[in-house]
Amino acid sequence: MAALEREIETYNRELSTLLAQQGKYALIKGSDLVGTFDSYQDALTAGFQKFGLEPFLVKLIAATGHVACFTRALQPCQA
């Protein structure tokens, strides 16, 4: 399983409930929603206090995610 894959699955599973707190940040470890926080820094601090250097996810609660589009069809520079 890829890094944080379980945490992302947990976020997606809990999203319908989390949307009531849209704009806050979710702290997730494995399959557990640890809590929600008003700021990214608060969630990150709580994650490090609770889990140390073990991986955990802090994610902005939003109805839609940021989509980045990448392509391999690059054209040479016309300089």
N, C-alpha and C. Protein backbone atom coordinates (compact mmCIF):
# COMPACT_ATOMS: atom_id res chain seq x y z
N MET A 1 0.86 -1.19 0.00
CA MET A 1 0.00 0.00 0.00
C MET A 1 0.90 1.24 0.00
N ALA A 2 0.57 2.21 -0.84
CA ALA A 2 1.36 3.44 -0.95
C ALA A 2 1.24 4.27 0.32
N ALA A 3 2.21 5.14 0.52
CA ALA A 3 2.21 6.01 1.70
C ALA A 3 0.92 6.81 1.77
N LEU A 4 0.30 6.80 2.91
CA LEU A 4 -0.92 7.55 3.22
C LEU A 4 -2.15 7.10 2.43
N GLU A 5 -2.07 6.00 1.71
CA GLU A 5 -3.23 5.52 0.95
C GLU A 5 -4.41 5.21 1.87
N ARG A 6 -4.13 4.58 3.00
CA ARG A 6 -5.22 4.26 3.95
C ARG A 6 -5.84 5.54 4.50
N GLU A 7 -5.00 6.54 4.78
CA GLU A 7 -5.52 7.80 5.31
C GLU A 7 -6.40 8.51 4.28
N ILE A 8 -6.01 8.48 3.02
CA ILE A 8 -6.82 9.10 1.97
C ILE A 8 -8.14 8.36 1.81
N GLU A 9 -8.11 7.02 1.89
CA GLU A 9 -9.36 6.25 1.85
C GLU A 9 -10.26 6.62 3.01
N THR A 10 -9.67 6.81 4.19
CA THR A 10 -10.45 7.20 5.37
C THR A 10 -11.09 8.57 5.16
N TYR A 11 -10.32 9.53 4.64
CA TYR A 11 -10.87 10.86 4.35
C TYR A 11 -12.05 10.75 3.40
N ASN A 12 -11.87 10.03 2.32
CA ASN A 12 -12.95 9.88 1.33
C ASN A 12 -14.18 9.20 1.93
N ARG A 13 -13.98 8.22 2.78
CA ARG A 13 -15.09 7.52 3.43
C ARG A 13 -15.85 8.45 4.38
N GLU A 14 -15.14 9.32 5.07
CA GLU A 14 -15.74 10.21 6.07
C GLU A 14 -16.18 11.57 5.50
N LEU A 15 -15.92 11.81 4.21
CA LEU A 15 -16.14 13.14 3.64
C LEU A 15 -17.56 13.65 3.81
N SER A 16 -18.55 12.80 3.62
CA SER A 16 -19.94 13.29 3.74
C SER A 16 -20.21 13.84 5.14
N THR A 17 -19.63 13.25 6.15
CA THR A 17 -19.78 13.74 7.52
C THR A 17 -18.91 14.97 7.75
N LEU A 18 -17.70 14.93 7.21
CA LEU A 18 -16.75 16.03 7.41
C LEU A 18 -17.20 17.34 6.77
N LEU A 19 -18.00 17.26 5.71
CA LEU A 19 -18.41 18.48 5.01
C LEU A 19 -19.15 19.48 5.89
N ALA A 20 -19.70 19.01 7.00
CA ALA A 20 -20.33 19.93 7.95
C ALA A 20 -19.29 20.87 8.57
N GLN A 21 -18.01 20.51 8.45
CA GLN A 21 -16.92 21.31 9.00
C GLN A 21 -16.00 21.82 7.88
N GLN A 22 -16.58 22.02 6.71
CA GLN A 22 -15.82 22.46 5.55
C GLN A 22 -14.99 23.70 5.88
N GLY A 23 -13.74 23.70 5.41
CA GLY A 23 -12.83 24.81 5.69
C GLY A 23 -11.89 24.53 6.84
N LYS A 24 -12.20 23.53 7.66
CA LYS A 24 -11.31 23.10 8.73
C LYS A 24 -10.36 22.04 8.19
N TYR A 25 -9.50 21.52 9.04
CA TYR A 25 -8.51 20.52 8.65
C TYR A 25 -8.72 19.23 9.41
N ALA A 26 -8.72 18.12 8.68
CA ALA A 26 -8.89 16.80 9.29
C ALA A 26 -7.52 16.21 9.57
N LEU A 27 -7.38 15.60 10.74
CA LEU A 27 -6.18 14.85 11.11
C LEU A 27 -6.57 13.38 11.09
N ILE A 28 -5.87 12.60 10.25
CA ILE A 28 -6.22 11.21 10.05
C ILE A 28 -4.97 10.35 10.20
N LYS A 29 -5.11 9.26 10.93
CA LYS A 29 -4.04 8.27 11.10
C LYS A 29 -4.63 6.91 10.80
N GLY A 30 -4.14 6.28 9.73
CA GLY A 30 -4.68 4.98 9.35
C GLY A 30 -6.14 5.10 8.99
N SER A 31 -6.96 4.28 9.63
CA SER A 31 -8.40 4.31 9.36
C SER A 31 -9.17 5.12 10.40
N ASP A 32 -8.45 5.93 11.18
CA ASP A 32 -9.08 6.72 12.24
C ASP A 32 -9.06 8.21 11.93
N LEU A 33 -10.21 8.85 12.03
CA LEU A 33 -10.31 10.30 11.99
C LEU A 33 -10.01 10.76 13.41
N VAL A 34 -8.86 11.35 13.61
CA VAL A 34 -8.41 11.73 14.95
C VAL A 34 -9.14 12.97 15.43
N GLY A 35 -9.37 13.92 14.52
CA GLY A 35 -10.07 15.14 14.90
C GLY A 35 -10.05 16.15 13.78
N THR A 36 -10.72 17.28 14.02
CA THR A 36 -10.71 18.39 13.07
C THR A 36 -10.21 19.63 13.80
N PHE A 37 -9.56 20.51 13.03
CA PHE A 37 -8.90 21.67 13.61
C PHE A 37 -9.16 22.89 12.76
N ASP A 38 -9.13 24.07 13.39
CA ASP A 38 -9.40 25.32 12.68
C ASP A 38 -8.28 25.71 11.73
N SER A 39 -7.05 25.29 12.02
CA SER A 39 -5.93 25.68 11.16
C SER A 39 -5.06 24.47 10.84
N TYR A 40 -4.35 24.58 9.73
CA TYR A 40 -3.41 23.55 9.31
C TYR A 40 -2.35 23.36 10.40
N GLN A 41 -1.84 24.48 10.93
CA GLN A 41 -0.80 24.42 11.95
C GLN A 41 -1.27 23.69 13.20
N ASP A 42 -2.51 23.94 13.62
CA ASP A 42 -3.04 23.25 14.81
C ASP A 42 -3.13 21.74 14.57
N ALA A 43 -3.60 21.35 13.38
CA ALA A 43 -3.72 19.92 13.06
C ALA A 43 -2.35 19.27 12.97
N LEU A 44 -1.40 19.96 12.37
CA LEU A 44 -0.05 19.43 12.23
C LEU A 44 0.62 19.27 13.59
N THR A 45 0.47 20.27 14.43
CA THR A 45 1.04 20.21 15.78
C THR A 45 0.45 19.04 16.56
N ALA A 46 -0.87 18.86 16.49
CA ALA A 46 -1.51 17.74 17.18
C ALA A 46 -1.02 16.41 16.64
N GLY A 47 -0.84 16.32 15.32
CA GLY A 47 -0.34 15.09 14.72
C GLY A 47 1.04 14.74 15.20
N PHE A 48 1.95 15.71 15.24
CA PHE A 48 3.32 15.45 15.72
C PHE A 48 3.33 15.12 17.20
N GLN A 49 2.48 15.77 17.99
CA GLN A 49 2.42 15.47 19.42
C GLN A 49 1.93 14.05 19.66
N LYS A 50 0.95 13.62 18.88
CA LYS A 50 0.35 12.31 19.10
C LYS A 50 1.12 11.17 18.43
N PHE A 51 1.67 11.42 17.23
CA PHE A 51 2.26 10.34 16.44
C PHE A 51 3.76 10.48 16.19
N GLY A 52 4.34 11.57 16.63
CA GLY A 52 5.77 11.76 16.42
C GLY A 52 6.10 11.78 14.94
N LEU A 53 7.07 10.97 14.54
CA LEU A 53 7.49 10.94 13.15
C LEU A 53 6.79 9.87 12.32
N GLU A 54 5.77 9.21 12.90
CA GLU A 54 4.98 8.25 12.12
C GLU A 54 4.11 9.02 11.12
N PRO A 55 3.86 8.45 9.94
CA PRO A 55 3.04 9.16 8.95
C PRO A 55 1.60 9.38 9.42
N PHE A 56 1.07 10.54 9.10
CA PHE A 56 -0.32 10.89 9.33
C PHE A 56 -0.71 11.90 8.27
N LEU A 57 -2.01 12.12 8.11
CA LEU A 57 -2.50 13.02 7.07
C LEU A 57 -3.22 14.19 7.70
N VAL A 58 -2.89 15.39 7.22
CA VAL A 58 -3.66 16.60 7.54
C VAL A 58 -4.20 17.09 6.21
N LYS A 59 -5.53 17.20 6.12
CA LYS A 59 -6.15 17.56 4.84
C LYS A 59 -7.25 18.58 5.06
N LEU A 60 -7.27 19.59 4.18
CA LEU A 60 -8.34 20.59 4.20
C LEU A 60 -9.65 19.91 3.84
N ILE A 61 -10.68 20.16 4.62
CA ILE A 61 -12.00 19.59 4.35
C ILE A 61 -12.68 20.46 3.30
N ALA A 62 -12.94 19.86 2.14
CA ALA A 62 -13.54 20.61 1.03
C ALA A 62 -14.39 19.68 0.19
N ALA A 63 -15.44 20.24 -0.40
CA ALA A 63 -16.34 19.45 -1.23
C ALA A 63 -15.65 18.98 -2.51
N THR A 64 -14.74 19.78 -3.00
CA THR A 64 -13.98 19.39 -4.19
C THR A 64 -12.51 19.52 -3.89
N GLY A 65 -11.73 18.66 -4.52
CA GLY A 65 -10.30 18.72 -4.33
C GLY A 65 -9.64 19.54 -5.41
N HIS A 66 -8.43 19.95 -5.14
CA HIS A 66 -7.64 20.67 -6.14
C HIS A 66 -7.18 19.66 -7.18
N VAL A 67 -7.42 19.96 -8.43
CA VAL A 67 -7.03 19.06 -9.51
C VAL A 67 -5.86 19.67 -10.26
N ALA A 68 -4.79 18.89 -10.39
CA ALA A 68 -3.63 19.33 -11.16
C ALA A 68 -3.57 18.45 -12.41
N CYS A 69 -3.39 19.08 -13.55
CA CYS A 69 -3.35 18.35 -14.81
C CYS A 69 -1.92 18.34 -15.34
N PHE A 70 -1.42 17.14 -15.61
CA PHE A 70 -0.08 16.98 -16.16
C PHE A 70 -0.19 16.23 -17.47
N THR A 71 0.71 16.53 -18.38
CA THR A 71 0.69 15.84 -19.66
C THR A 71 2.12 15.48 -20.06
N ARG A 72 2.24 14.44 -20.82
CA ARG A 72 3.55 14.07 -21.36
C ARG A 72 3.71 14.61 -22.77
N ALA A 73 2.68 15.22 -23.32
CA ALA A 73 2.69 15.72 -24.69
C ALA A 73 3.30 17.13 -24.72
N LEU A 74 4.55 17.22 -24.34
CA LEU A 74 5.22 18.51 -24.29
C LEU A 74 5.79 18.86 -25.65
N GLN A 75 5.64 20.11 -26.03
CA GLN A 75 6.19 20.60 -27.29
C GLN A 75 7.56 21.21 -27.01
N PRO A 76 8.51 21.07 -27.95
CA PRO A 76 9.82 21.70 -27.77
C PRO A 76 9.68 23.21 -27.70
N CYS A 77 10.56 23.83 -26.97
CA CYS A 77 10.59 25.28 -26.84
C CYS A 77 10.85 25.92 -28.20
N GLN A 78 10.07 26.92 -28.58
CA GLN A 78 10.20 27.59 -29.86
C GLN A 78 11.07 28.85 -29.74
N ALA A 79 12.21 28.76 -29.08
CA ALA A 79 13.08 29.93 -28.85
C ALA A 79 13.85 30.33 -30.07
